[in-house]
PDB file of N, CA and C in Angstrom:
ATOM      1  N   MET A   1       2.849 -22.611  -6.328  1.00  0.00           N
ATOM      2  CA  MET A   1       4.256 -22.053  -7.001  1.00  0.00           C
ATOM      3  C   MET A   1       3.960 -20.410  -5.968  1.00  0.00           C
ATOM      4  N   LEU A   2       2.681 -20.043  -6.198  1.00  0.00           N
ATOM      5  CA  LEU A   2       2.896 -18.556  -5.051  1.00  0.00           C
ATOM      6  C   LEU A   2       2.767 -18.653  -4.125  1.00  0.00           C
ATOM      7  N   GLU A   3       2.580 -19.862  -3.784  1.00  0.00           N
ATOM      8  CA  GLU A   3       2.814 -20.007  -1.931  1.00  0.00           C
ATOM      9  C   GLU A   3       4.229 -19.934  -1.489  1.00  0.00           C
ATOM     10  N   ASP A   4       5.213 -20.730  -2.069  1.00  0.00           N
ATOM     11  CA  ASP A   4       6.489 -20.514  -1.972  1.00  0.00           C
ATOM     12  C   ASP A   4       6.946 -19.541  -2.391  1.00  0.00           C
ATOM     13  N   MET A   5       6.732 -18.448  -3.150  1.00  0.00           N
ATOM     14  CA  MET A   5       7.367 -17.058  -3.777  1.00  0.00           C
ATOM     15  C   MET A   5       7.576 -16.270  -2.636  1.00  0.00           C
ATOM     16  N   PRO A   6       8.576 -15.616  -2.426  1.00  0.00           N
ATOM     17  CA  PRO A   6       9.042 -14.784  -1.292  1.00  0.00           C
ATOM     18  C   PRO A   6       7.797 -13.122  -2.087  1.00  0.00           C
ATOM     19  N   ILE A   7       7.873 -12.822  -0.909  1.00  0.00           N
ATOM     20  CA  ILE A   7       6.404 -11.265  -1.564  1.00  0.00           C
ATOM     21  C   ILE A   7       7.050 -10.402  -2.051  1.00  0.00           C
ATOM     22  N   ARG A   8       8.429 -10.217  -2.228  1.00  0.00           N
ATOM     23  CA  ARG A   8       8.960  -9.012  -3.160  1.00  0.00           C
ATOM     24  C   ARG A   8       9.365  -9.441  -4.553  1.00  0.00           C
ATOM     25  N   GLN A   9       8.901 -10.607  -4.780  1.00  0.00           N
ATOM     26  CA  GLN A   9       8.409 -11.169  -6.106  1.00  0.00           C
ATOM     27  C   GLN A   9       7.462 -11.150  -6.825  1.00  0.00           C
ATOM     28  N   LEU A  10       6.223 -10.670  -5.761  1.00  0.00           N
ATOM     29  CA  LEU A  10       4.910 -10.040  -6.893  1.00  0.00           C
ATOM     30  C   LEU A  10       5.082  -8.745  -7.213  1.00  0.00           C
ATOM     31  N   ALA A  11       6.172  -8.086  -6.801  1.00  0.00           N
ATOM     32  CA  ALA A  11       6.079  -7.013  -7.701  1.00  0.00           C
ATOM     33  C   ALA A  11       6.872  -6.874  -8.782  1.00  0.00           C
ATOM     34  N   MET A  12       8.007  -7.853  -8.600  1.00  0.00           N
ATOM     35  CA  MET A  12       8.541  -8.120 -10.406  1.00  0.00           C
ATOM     36  C   MET A  12       7.616  -9.025 -11.593  1.00  0.00           C
ATOM     37  N   MET A  13       6.654  -9.742 -10.797  1.00  0.00           N
ATOM     38  CA  MET A  13       6.285 -10.445 -11.542  1.00  0.00           C
ATOM     39  C   MET A  13       4.755  -9.845 -11.910  1.00  0.00           C
ATOM     40  N   SER A  14       4.433  -8.960 -11.469  1.00  0.00           N
ATOM     41  CA  SER A  14       2.927  -8.050 -11.553  1.00  0.00           C
ATOM     42  C   SER A  14       2.651  -7.064 -12.875  1.00  0.00           C
ATOM     43  N   GLY A  15       4.129  -6.865 -14.088  1.00  0.00           N
ATOM     44  CA  GLY A  15       4.359  -6.330 -14.478  1.00  0.00           C
ATOM     45  C   GLY A  15       3.920  -4.526 -14.569  1.00  0.00           C
ATOM     46  N   GLY A  16       4.432  -4.354 -13.309  1.00  0.00           N
ATOM     47  CA  GLY A  16       4.207  -2.793 -13.305  1.00  0.00           C
ATOM     48  C   GLY A  16       2.601  -2.284 -11.953  1.00  0.00           C
ATOM     49  N   ALA A  17       2.144  -3.720 -11.911  1.00  0.00           N
ATOM     50  CA  ALA A  17       0.439  -3.142 -11.476  1.00  0.00           C
ATOM     51  C   ALA A  17       1.188  -2.721  -9.694  1.00  0.00           C
ATOM     52  N   MET A  18       2.417  -3.596  -9.038  1.00  0.00           N
ATOM     53  CA  MET A  18       2.766  -3.800  -8.360  1.00  0.00           C
ATOM     54  C   MET A  18       3.558  -2.816  -7.830  1.00  0.00           C
ATOM     55  N   THR A  19       4.152  -1.762  -7.611  1.00  0.00           N
ATOM     56  CA  THR A  19       5.534  -1.478  -7.128  1.00  0.00           C
ATOM     57  C   THR A  19       6.147  -2.340  -5.883  1.00  0.00           C
ATOM     58  N   PRO A  20       7.449  -1.702  -6.067  1.00  0.00           N
ATOM     59  CA  PRO A  20       8.031  -2.180  -4.421  1.00  0.00           C
ATOM     60  C   PRO A  20       7.926  -1.362  -3.174  1.00  0.00           C
ATOM     61  N   ALA A  21       6.878  -0.144  -3.389  1.00  0.00           N
ATOM     62  CA  ALA A  21       6.570   0.564  -2.216  1.00  0.00           C
ATOM     63  C   ALA A  21       5.118  -0.321  -1.978  1.00  0.00           C
ATOM     64  N   VAL A  22       4.553  -0.569  -2.609  1.00  0.00           N
ATOM     65  CA  VAL A  22       3.268  -1.239  -2.013  1.00  0.00           C
ATOM     66  C   VAL A  22       3.637  -2.773  -1.872  1.00  0.00           C
ATOM     67  N   VAL A  23       4.396  -3.770  -2.373  1.00  0.00           N
ATOM     68  CA  VAL A  23       4.187  -4.030  -1.635  1.00  0.00           C
ATOM     69  C   VAL A  23       5.004  -4.277  -0.406  1.00  0.00           C
ATOM     70  N   ALA A  24       6.242  -3.383  -0.071  1.00  0.00           N
ATOM     71  CA  ALA A  24       6.680  -2.807   1.291  1.00  0.00           C
ATOM     72  C   ALA A  24       5.648  -2.417   2.006  1.00  0.00           C
ATOM     73  N   GLY A  25       4.189  -1.533   2.071  1.00  0.00           N
ATOM     74  CA  GLY A  25       3.408  -1.203   2.589  1.00  0.00           C
ATOM     75  C   GLY A  25       2.040  -2.661   2.888  1.00  0.00           C
ATOM     76  N   LEU A  26       2.548  -3.775   2.087  1.00  0.00           N
ATOM     77  CA  LEU A  26       1.531  -4.723   2.237  1.00  0.00           C
ATOM     78  C   LEU A  26       2.394  -5.523   3.437  1.00  0.00           C
ATOM     79  N   VAL A  27       3.586  -5.804   3.687  1.00  0.00           N
ATOM     80  CA  VAL A  27       4.268  -6.407   4.400  1.00  0.00           C
ATOM     81  C   VAL A  27       4.218  -6.032   5.589  1.00  0.00           C
ATOM     82  N   GLU A  28       4.243  -4.381   6.134  1.00  0.00           N
ATOM     83  CA  GLU A  28       3.924  -3.958   6.990  1.00  0.00           C
ATOM     84  C   GLU A  28       2.439  -3.837   7.710  1.00  0.00           C
ATOM     85  N   MET A  29       1.434  -3.963   7.262  1.00  0.00           N
ATOM     86  CA  MET A  29       0.279  -4.119   7.230  1.00  0.00           C
ATOM     87  C   MET A  29       0.233  -5.324   7.497  1.00  0.00           C
ATOM     88  N   MET A  30       0.236  -6.476   6.668  1.00  0.00           N
ATOM     89  CA  MET A  30       0.220  -8.058   7.151  1.00  0.00           C
ATOM     90  C   MET A  30       0.722  -7.721   9.009  1.00  0.00           C
ATOM     91  N   ASN A  31       2.006  -7.229   9.272  1.00  0.00           N
ATOM     92  CA  ASN A  31       3.139  -7.342  10.696  1.00  0.00           C
ATOM     93  C   ASN A  31       2.166  -6.407  11.434  1.00  0.00           C
ATOM     94  N   GLY A  32       0.848  -5.819  11.438  1.00  0.00           N
ATOM     95  CA  GLY A  32       0.025  -4.914  12.186  1.00  0.00           C
ATOM     96  C   GLY A  32       0.177  -3.556  12.520  1.00  0.00           C
ATOM     97  N   HIS A  33       1.561  -3.282  11.413  1.00  0.00           N
ATOM     98  CA  HIS A  33       1.519  -1.522  11.283  1.00  0.00           C
ATOM     99  C   HIS A  33       1.021  -1.247  10.557  1.00  0.00           C
ATOM    100  N   TYR A  34      -0.793  -0.648  10.654  1.00  0.00           N
ATOM    101  CA  TYR A  34      -1.396  -0.565   9.119  1.00  0.00           C
ATOM    102  C   TYR A  34      -1.055   0.671   9.387  1.00  0.00           C
ATOM    103  N   LEU A  35      -1.108   1.956   9.749  1.00  0.00           N
ATOM    104  CA  LEU A  35      -0.588   3.151   9.363  1.00  0.00           C
ATOM    105  C   LEU A  35       0.616   3.308   8.538  1.00  0.00           C
ATOM    106  N   ARG A  36       1.791   2.436   9.318  1.00  0.00           N
ATOM    107  CA  ARG A  36       2.996   2.436   8.530  1.00  0.00           C
ATOM    108  C   ARG A  36       2.903   2.095   7.425  1.00  0.00           C
ATOM    109  N   GLY A  37       2.256   1.338   7.028  1.00  0.00           N
ATOM    110  CA  GLY A  37       2.235   0.570   5.865  1.00  0.00           C
ATOM    111  C   GLY A  37       1.521   1.523   4.365  1.00  0.00           C
ATOM    112  N   LEU A  38       0.716   2.172   4.904  1.00  0.00           N
ATOM    113  CA  LEU A  38       0.497   3.271   4.480  1.00  0.00           C
ATOM    114  C   LEU A  38       0.574   4.411   4.189  1.00  0.00           C
ATOM    115  N   LYS A  39       1.744   4.870   5.024  1.00  0.00           N
ATOM    116  CA  LYS A  39       2.696   5.651   4.419  1.00  0.00           C
ATOM    117  C   LYS A  39       3.703   5.247   3.483  1.00  0.00           C
ATOM    118  N   LYS A  40       4.151   3.968   3.621  1.00  0.00           N
ATOM    119  CA  LYS A  40       4.801   3.243   2.520  1.00  0.00           C
ATOM    120  C   LYS A  40       4.140   3.110   1.691  1.00  0.00           C
ATOM    121  N   MET A  41       3.195   2.913   1.240  1.00  0.00           N
ATOM    122  CA  MET A  41       2.621   2.739   0.051  1.00  0.00           C
ATOM    123  C   MET A  41       2.102   4.644  -0.720  1.00  0.00           C
ATOM    124  N   LYS A  42       1.927   5.324   0.196  1.00  0.00           N
ATOM    125  CA  LYS A  42       1.822   6.356  -0.836  1.00  0.00           C
ATOM    126  C   LYS A  42       2.650   7.181  -1.159  1.00  0.00           C
ATOM    127  N   GLY A  43       4.140   7.056  -0.258  1.00  0.00           N
ATOM    128  CA  GLY A  43       5.148   7.548  -0.722  1.00  0.00           C
ATOM    129  C   GLY A  43       6.425   6.971  -0.437  1.00  0.00           C
TER     130      GLY A  43
END
């Protein structure tokens, strides 16, 4: 089930443990933009 789920739904299912900013940062990092991803996670 998790393999077919969009990444943005992780934030919704985490119960507040993952914010949308963290998910957006992870996506950037997975796309090879590590510094941009860290910036999105931070603020």
